[in-house]
């Protein structure tokens, strides 16, 4: 199973924050918060090389809370060292206000 260090997770979040305008422009479906959290989730799936059975599935239309929970679920057992992901999720979404 692949794992991620806090430093690398922070780097991914920072890259999304830096490129948020481009990401939003090219993904116009959903709220801005949903788009950015979806991008983080997608990056983690790729970075951690998750198999299809390891990737969260959604019923109905996912919202920002759904994406946040999916990110937490993925990282629950895949952090190289314990770290709190909430400040990073807040950094990602607070840049919207």
Protein backbone atom coordinates (compact mmCIF):
# COMPACT_ATOMS: atom_id res chain seq x y z
CA UNK A 1 0.00 0.00 0.00
CA UNK A 2 1.32 3.43 -0.95
CA UNK A 3 1.56 6.18 1.66
CA UNK A 4 2.05 9.93 1.69
CA UNK A 5 4.11 12.21 3.91
CA UNK A 6 2.66 15.42 5.27
CA UNK A 7 5.19 17.43 3.28
CA UNK A 8 4.00 15.93 0.00
CA UNK A 9 0.33 16.30 0.94
CA UNK A 10 0.97 19.98 1.72
CA UNK A 11 2.72 20.36 -1.64
CA UNK A 12 -0.30 18.93 -3.48
CA UNK A 13 -2.71 21.24 -1.61
CA UNK A 14 -0.47 24.25 -2.28
CA UNK A 15 -0.37 23.39 -5.99
CA UNK A 16 -4.16 23.22 -6.14
CA UNK A 17 -4.47 26.56 -4.33
CA UNK A 18 -1.94 28.09 -6.72
CA UNK A 19 -3.76 26.77 -9.80
CA UNK A 20 -7.31 27.13 -8.50
CA UNK A 21 -8.45 29.60 -11.16
CA UNK A 22 -7.40 27.26 -13.98
CA UNK A 23 -8.89 24.24 -12.21
CA UNK A 24 -12.23 26.01 -11.70
CA UNK A 25 -12.31 27.32 -15.27
CA UNK A 26 -11.79 23.83 -16.72
CA UNK A 27 -14.20 22.07 -14.32
CA UNK A 28 -17.31 24.26 -14.20
CA UNK A 29 -19.67 21.68 -12.65
CA UNK A 30 -20.32 22.05 -8.92
CA UNK A 31 -19.42 24.66 -6.37
CA UNK A 32 -15.88 26.00 -6.23
CA UNK A 33 -15.32 24.11 -2.96
CA UNK A 34 -16.53 20.86 -4.54
CA UNK A 35 -14.29 21.36 -7.57
CA UNK A 36 -11.15 21.92 -5.48
CA UNK A 37 -11.86 19.03 -3.11
CA UNK A 38 -12.62 16.78 -6.09
CA UNK A 39 -9.25 17.77 -7.57
CA UNK A 40 -7.47 16.92 -4.30
CA UNK A 41 -9.24 13.57 -4.16
CA UNK A 42 -8.28 12.85 -7.77
CA UNK A 43 -4.65 13.79 -7.10
CA UNK A 44 -4.53 11.47 -4.09
CA UNK A 45 -6.03 8.57 -6.04
CA UNK A 46 -3.32 9.04 -8.67
CA UNK A 47 -0.44 9.77 -6.26
CA UNK A 48 -1.24 6.75 -4.10
CA UNK A 49 -1.88 4.54 -7.16
CA UNK A 50 -5.18 3.36 -5.75
CA UNK A 51 -6.85 0.39 -7.37
CA UNK A 52 -10.46 0.75 -8.46
CA UNK A 53 -11.65 -1.21 -5.40
CA UNK A 54 -9.75 1.21 -3.12
CA UNK A 55 -11.26 4.32 -4.66
CA UNK A 56 -14.34 5.73 -2.91
CA UNK A 57 -17.64 5.38 -4.80
CA UNK A 58 -20.47 7.85 -4.45
CA UNK A 59 -24.20 7.41 -4.66
CA UNK A 60 -26.17 10.42 -5.78
CA UNK A 61 -24.47 13.75 -6.32
CA UNK A 62 -21.40 14.21 -4.09
CA UNK A 63 -20.96 17.51 -2.28
CA UNK A 64 -18.02 19.15 -0.51
CA UNK A 65 -18.62 17.17 2.68
CA UNK A 66 -18.69 13.92 0.70
CA UNK A 67 -15.34 14.75 -0.91
CA UNK A 68 -13.83 15.74 2.46
CA UNK A 69 -14.93 12.44 3.99
CA UNK A 70 -13.55 10.50 1.03
CA UNK A 71 -10.19 12.26 1.39
CA UNK A 72 -10.14 11.46 5.12
CA UNK A 73 -11.04 7.83 4.37
CA UNK A 74 -8.24 7.46 1.82
CA UNK A 75 -5.67 8.99 4.15
CA UNK A 76 -6.78 7.10 7.26
CA UNK A 77 -4.26 4.30 6.69
CA UNK A 78 -1.98 5.94 4.13
CA UNK A 79 -0.07 8.61 6.04
CA UNK A 80 3.61 7.96 6.60
CA UNK A 81 3.37 9.83 9.89
CA UNK A 82 0.32 11.08 11.79
CA UNK A 83 -0.81 14.54 10.71
CA UNK A 84 -4.06 16.48 10.76
CA UNK A 85 -5.54 16.99 7.30
CA UNK A 86 -8.18 19.51 8.43
CA UNK A 87 -5.89 22.57 8.27
CA UNK A 88 -5.04 21.64 4.69
CA UNK A 89 -8.68 21.22 3.71
CA UNK A 90 -9.42 24.60 5.31
CA UNK A 91 -6.51 26.17 3.45
CA UNK A 92 -7.90 24.78 0.22
CA UNK A 93 -11.41 26.07 0.82
CA UNK A 94 -10.67 29.29 2.75
CA UNK A 95 -8.88 30.61 -0.31
CA UNK A 96 -12.36 30.93 -1.80
CA UNK A 97 -13.60 33.54 0.62
